[in-house]
C-alpha atoms as a PDB file:
ATOM      1  CA  MET A   1       4.053  10.516  11.294  1.00  0.00           C
ATOM      2  CA  SER A   2       7.031   8.285  10.917  1.00  0.00           C
ATOM      3  CA  ARG A   3       8.071   6.388   7.853  1.00  0.00           C
ATOM      4  CA  GLY A   4       7.294   3.091   9.612  1.00  0.00           C
ATOM      5  CA  GLU A   5       3.706   4.181  10.277  1.00  0.00           C
ATOM      6  CA  ARG A   6       3.273   5.033   6.595  1.00  0.00           C
ATOM      7  CA  ILE A   7       4.684   1.642   5.599  1.00  0.00           C
ATOM      8  CA  LEU A   8       2.309  -0.125   7.992  1.00  0.00           C
ATOM      9  CA  ALA A   9      -0.601   1.895   6.627  1.00  0.00           C
ATOM     10  CA  GLY A  10       0.445   0.868   3.123  1.00  0.00           C
ATOM     11  CA  VAL A  11       0.379  -2.785   4.181  1.00  0.00           C
ATOM     12  CA  PHE A  12      -3.116  -2.286   5.601  1.00  0.00           C
ATOM     13  CA  GLY A  13      -4.111  -0.630   2.329  1.00  0.00           C
ATOM     14  CA  LEU A  14      -2.860  -3.683   0.439  1.00  0.00           C
ATOM     15  CA  PHE A  15      -4.968  -5.890   2.707  1.00  0.00           C
ATOM     16  CA  GLY A  16      -7.953  -3.708   1.845  1.00  0.00           C
ATOM     17  CA  VAL A  17      -7.272  -4.074  -1.878  1.00  0.00           C
ATOM     18  CA  PHE A  18      -6.894  -7.840  -1.392  1.00  0.00           C
ATOM     19  CA  TRP A  19     -10.261  -8.011   0.419  1.00  0.00           C
ATOM     20  CA  ILE A  20     -11.920  -6.023  -2.344  1.00  0.00           C
ATOM     21  CA  ALA A  21     -10.435  -8.290  -5.023  1.00  0.00           C
ATOM     22  CA  GLN A  22     -11.529 -11.425  -3.169  1.00  0.00           C
ATOM     23  CA  ALA A  23     -14.995 -10.046  -2.458  1.00  0.00           C
ATOM     24  CA  LEU A  24     -15.560  -9.269  -6.129  1.00  0.00           C
ATOM     25  CA  GLY A  25     -15.299 -13.004  -6.792  1.00  0.00           C
ATOM     26  CA  LEU A  26     -18.109 -13.715  -4.314  1.00  0.00           C
ATOM     27  CA  ARG A  27     -21.824 -13.154  -4.661  1.00  0.00           C
ATOM     28  CA  TYR A  28     -22.704  -9.621  -3.464  1.00  0.00           C
ATOM     29  CA  TRP A  29     -26.422 -10.146  -2.839  1.00  0.00           C
ATOM     30  CA  GLY A  30     -28.392 -13.305  -2.141  1.00  0.00           C
ATOM     31  CA  ASP A  31     -32.071 -14.040  -2.645  1.00  0.00           C
ATOM     32  CA  PHE A  32     -33.241 -11.890   0.254  1.00  0.00           C
ATOM     33  CA  ALA A  33     -30.140 -10.743   2.125  1.00  0.00           C
ATOM     34  CA  PRO A  34     -26.515  -9.718   1.549  1.00  0.00           C
ATOM     35  CA  GLY A  35     -24.331 -12.462   0.154  1.00  0.00           C
ATOM     36  CA  PRO A  36     -20.884 -13.593   1.269  1.00  0.00           C
ATOM     37  CA  GLY A  37     -19.162 -10.833  -0.719  1.00  0.00           C
ATOM     38  CA  PHE A  38     -21.069  -7.934   0.829  1.00  0.00           C
ATOM     39  CA  LEU A  39     -19.161  -7.500   4.111  1.00  0.00           C
ATOM     40  CA  PRO A  40     -15.623  -8.129   2.790  1.00  0.00           C
ATOM     41  CA  LEU A  41     -16.192  -5.674  -0.051  1.00  0.00           C
ATOM     42  CA  TRP A  42     -17.293  -2.875   2.239  1.00  0.00           C
ATOM     43  CA  LEU A  43     -14.618  -3.670   4.821  1.00  0.00           C
ATOM     44  CA  GLY A  44     -11.992  -3.469   2.094  1.00  0.00           C
ATOM     45  CA  ILE A  45     -13.392  -0.200   0.738  1.00  0.00           C
ATOM     46  CA  THR A  46     -13.491   1.272   4.246  1.00  0.00           C
ATOM     47  CA  LEU A  47      -9.937   0.155   4.983  1.00  0.00           C
ATOM     48  CA  VAL A  48      -8.591   1.635   1.741  1.00  0.00           C
ATOM     49  CA  ALA A  49     -10.456   4.903   2.408  1.00  0.00           C
ATOM     50  CA  LEU A  50      -9.091   5.128   5.958  1.00  0.00           C
ATOM     51  CA  VAL A  51      -5.558   4.492   4.723  1.00  0.00           C
ATOM     52  CA  ALA A  52      -5.989   7.214   2.096  1.00  0.00           C
ATOM     53  CA  VAL A  53      -7.159   9.675   4.754  1.00  0.00           C
ATOM     54  CA  PHE A  54      -4.216   8.683   6.936  1.00  0.00           C
ATOM     55  CA  PHE A  55      -1.752   9.264   4.119  1.00  0.00           C
ATOM     56  CA  PHE A  56      -3.168  12.692   3.278  1.00  0.00           C
ATOM     57  CA  THR A  57      -3.143  13.813   6.915  1.00  0.00           C
ATOM     58  CA  SER A  58       0.189  12.194   7.821  1.00  0.00           C
ATOM     59  CA  PHE A  59       2.191  14.686   5.828  1.00  0.00           C
ATOM     60  CA  GLN A  60       1.054  17.530   8.053  1.00  0.00           C
ATOM     61  CA  ARG A  61       3.726  18.270  10.585  1.00  0.00           C
ATOM     62  CA  ALA A  62       2.690  17.858  14.217  1.00  0.00           C
ATOM     63  CA  SER A  63       3.846  20.436  16.713  1.00  0.00           C
ATOM     64  CA  ALA A  64       5.514  19.481  19.990  1.00  0.00           C
ATOM     65  CA  LYS A  65       2.383  20.601  21.873  1.00  0.00           C
ATOM     66  CA  GLU A  66       0.206  18.221  19.856  1.00  0.00           C
ATOM     67  CA  VAL A  67       2.539  15.329  20.593  1.00  0.00           C
ATOM     68  CA  LEU A  68       2.503  16.111  24.323  1.00  0.00           C
ATOM     69  CA  ASP A  69      -1.280  16.524  24.336  1.00  0.00           C
ATOM     70  CA  ALA A  70      -1.652  13.043  22.812  1.00  0.00           C
ATOM     71  CA  ALA A  71       0.013  11.308  25.793  1.00  0.00           C
ATOM     72  CA  PRO A  72      -3.052  11.321  28.113  1.00  0.00           C
ATOM     73  CA  ARG A  73      -5.170   9.881  25.304  1.00  0.00           C
ATOM     74  CA  VAL A  74      -2.992   6.769  25.238  1.00  0.00           C
ATOM     75  CA  GLY A  75      -4.055   5.961  28.810  1.00  0.00           C
ATOM     76  CA  ARG A  76      -7.716   6.409  27.912  1.00  0.00           C
ATOM     77  CA  ILE A  77      -7.341   4.176  24.875  1.00  0.00           C
ATOM     78  CA  ALA A  78      -5.614   1.524  26.994  1.00  0.00           C
ATOM     79  CA  ALA A  79      -8.451   1.698  29.551  1.00  0.00           C
ATOM     80  CA  ILE A  80     -11.043   1.271  26.794  1.00  0.00           C
ATOM     81  CA  VAL A  81      -9.232  -1.732  25.302  1.00  0.00           C
ATOM     82  CA  VAL A  82      -8.630  -3.417  28.672  1.00  0.00           C
ATOM     83  CA  GLY A  83     -12.275  -2.839  29.622  1.00  0.00           C
ATOM     84  CA  PHE A  84     -13.421  -4.336  26.329  1.00  0.00           C
ATOM     85  CA  ILE A  85     -11.227  -7.408  26.824  1.00  0.00           C
ATOM     86  CA  ALA A  86     -12.644  -7.820  30.333  1.00  0.00           C
ATOM     87  CA  CYS A  87     -16.169  -7.506  28.920  1.00  0.00           C
ATOM     88  CA  ILE A  88     -15.512 -10.242  26.364  1.00  0.00           C
ATOM     89  CA  ALA A  89     -13.915 -12.462  29.018  1.00  0.00           C
ATOM     90  CA  ALA A  90     -16.886 -11.993  31.376  1.00  0.00           C
ATOM     91  CA  ILE A  91     -19.636 -12.761  28.842  1.00  0.00           C
ATOM     92  CA  GLU A  92     -19.732 -16.485  29.596  1.00  0.00           C
ATOM     93  CA  TRP A  93     -19.635 -15.916  33.354  1.00  0.00           C
ATOM     94  CA  LEU A  94     -21.922 -12.869  33.720  1.00  0.00           C
ATOM     95  CA  GLY A  95     -23.970 -13.242  30.555  1.00  0.00           C
ATOM     96  CA  PHE A  96     -24.224 -10.930  27.579  1.00  0.00           C
ATOM     97  CA  GLY A  97     -26.517  -8.322  29.100  1.00  0.00           C
ATOM     98  CA  ALA A  98     -24.707  -7.943  32.411  1.00  0.00           C
ATOM     99  CA  SER A  99     -21.222  -7.828  30.870  1.00  0.00           C
ATOM    100  CA  VAL A 100     -22.231  -5.244  28.248  1.00  0.00           C
ATOM    101  CA  ALA A 101     -23.970  -3.149  30.897  1.00  0.00           C
ATOM    102  CA  ALA A 102     -20.901  -3.354  33.162  1.00  0.00           C
ATOM    103  CA  TYR A 103     -18.622  -2.314  30.296  1.00  0.00           C
ATOM    104  CA  LEU A 104     -20.831   0.641  29.451  1.00  0.00           C
ATOM    105  CA  VAL A 105     -20.893   1.703  33.102  1.00  0.00           C
ATOM    106  CA  PHE A 106     -17.085   1.530  33.162  1.00  0.00           C
ATOM    107  CA  LEU A 107     -16.735   3.307  29.822  1.00  0.00           C
ATOM    108  CA  LEU A 108     -19.146   6.133  30.567  1.00  0.00           C
ATOM    109  CA  GLY A 109     -18.508   6.445  34.297  1.00  0.00           C
ATOM    110  CA  ALA A 110     -14.764   5.921  34.662  1.00  0.00           C
ATOM    111  CA  VAL A 111     -13.389   6.834  31.245  1.00  0.00           C
ATOM    112  CA  GLU A 112     -15.801   9.538  30.073  1.00  0.00           C
ATOM    113  CA  ARG A 113     -16.778  10.842  33.544  1.00  0.00           C
ATOM    114  CA  GLN A 114     -20.470  11.230  32.762  1.00  0.00           C
ATOM    115  CA  ARG A 115     -23.175  11.910  35.345  1.00  0.00           C
ATOM    116  CA  PRO A 116     -24.556   8.797  37.097  1.00  0.00           C
ATOM    117  CA  ALA A 117     -28.021   9.315  35.582  1.00  0.00           C
ATOM    118  CA  VAL A 118     -26.550   9.361  32.066  1.00  0.00           C
ATOM    119  CA  VAL A 119     -24.423   6.291  32.812  1.00  0.00           C
ATOM    120  CA  ALA A 120     -27.372   4.312  34.173  1.00  0.00           C
ATOM    121  CA  GLY A 121     -29.709   5.394  31.370  1.00  0.00           C
ATOM    122  CA  VAL A 122     -27.327   4.578  28.545  1.00  0.00           C
ATOM    123  CA  ALA A 123     -26.213   1.263  30.064  1.00  0.00           C
ATOM    124  CA  LEU A 124     -29.752   0.099  30.749  1.00  0.00           C
ATOM    125  CA  GLY A 125     -31.181   1.417  27.477  1.00  0.00           C
ATOM    126  CA  THR A 126     -28.438  -0.082  25.344  1.00  0.00           C
ATOM    127  CA  THR A 127     -28.631  -3.442  27.077  1.00  0.00           C
ATOM    128  CA  VAL A 128     -32.414  -3.617  26.692  1.00  0.00           C
ATOM    129  CA  ALA A 129     -32.203  -2.520  23.037  1.00  0.00           C
ATOM    130  CA  LEU A 130     -29.557  -5.153  22.236  1.00  0.00           C
ATOM    131  CA  HIS A 131     -31.642  -7.814  23.986  1.00  0.00           C
ATOM    132  CA  LEU A 132     -34.759  -6.840  22.023  1.00  0.00           C
ATOM    133  CA  VAL A 133     -33.007  -6.719  18.668  1.00  0.00           C
ATOM    134  CA  PHE A 134     -30.877  -9.833  18.903  1.00  0.00           C
ATOM    135  CA  ARG A 135     -32.719 -12.180  21.231  1.00  0.00           C
ATOM    136  CA  THR A 136     -36.368 -11.262  20.722  1.00  0.00           C
ATOM    137  CA  TRP A 137     -36.603 -10.093  17.108  1.00  0.00           C
ATOM    138  CA  LEU A 138     -33.762 -11.992  15.448  1.00  0.00           C
ATOM    139  CA  GLY A 139     -33.830 -15.066  17.685  1.00  0.00           C
ATOM    140  CA  VAL A 140     -30.056 -15.058  18.248  1.00  0.00           C
ATOM    141  CA  PRO A 141     -29.130 -17.010  21.369  1.00  0.00           C
ATOM    142  CA  LEU A 142     -27.051 -14.813  23.668  1.00  0.00           C
ATOM    143  CA  PRO A 143     -24.999 -16.121  26.596  1.00  0.00           C
ATOM    144  CA  GLU A 144     -27.012 -16.048  29.799  1.00  0.00           C
ATOM    145  CA  GLY A 145     -25.525 -15.355  33.187  1.00  0.00           C
ATOM    146  CA  PRO A 146     -26.581 -16.679  36.564  1.00  0.00           C
ATOM    147  CA  TRP A 147     -29.486 -14.182  36.608  1.00  0.00           C
ATOM    148  CA  GLY A 148     -31.025 -15.451  33.355  1.00  0.00           C
ATOM    149  CA  PHE A 149     -30.067 -12.514  31.134  1.00  0.00           C
END
């Protein structure tokens, strides 16, 4: 890892420490649910832990083969990010369920190259589970597409 990557990780670590410090000034737990300090505290702790892991592993020297093997992964990561951005952009037009299902089909079918039965099962199952949890049980309004879901 380069010196610049370590510096950037250090900056992220400082953000994590800042979040922890700010979260300690907020209420951690409310009357029946987590308070406003719960999420920032755990995000800060997670960020600091990830930076620590990065620092400990960054001093291991990577071989030329490892660097060359990482190149195809960059394309996969780019496909995942572009697909996610398209999913977010399509939520208002297609609706939450259809856009999430389409993203999962893309992710599992095109990026991960899974069997069609696995792709269909995971996409349908995840979409139904998210609908049940958020819309039915929690009453969270989700964007609806032209098909009503």
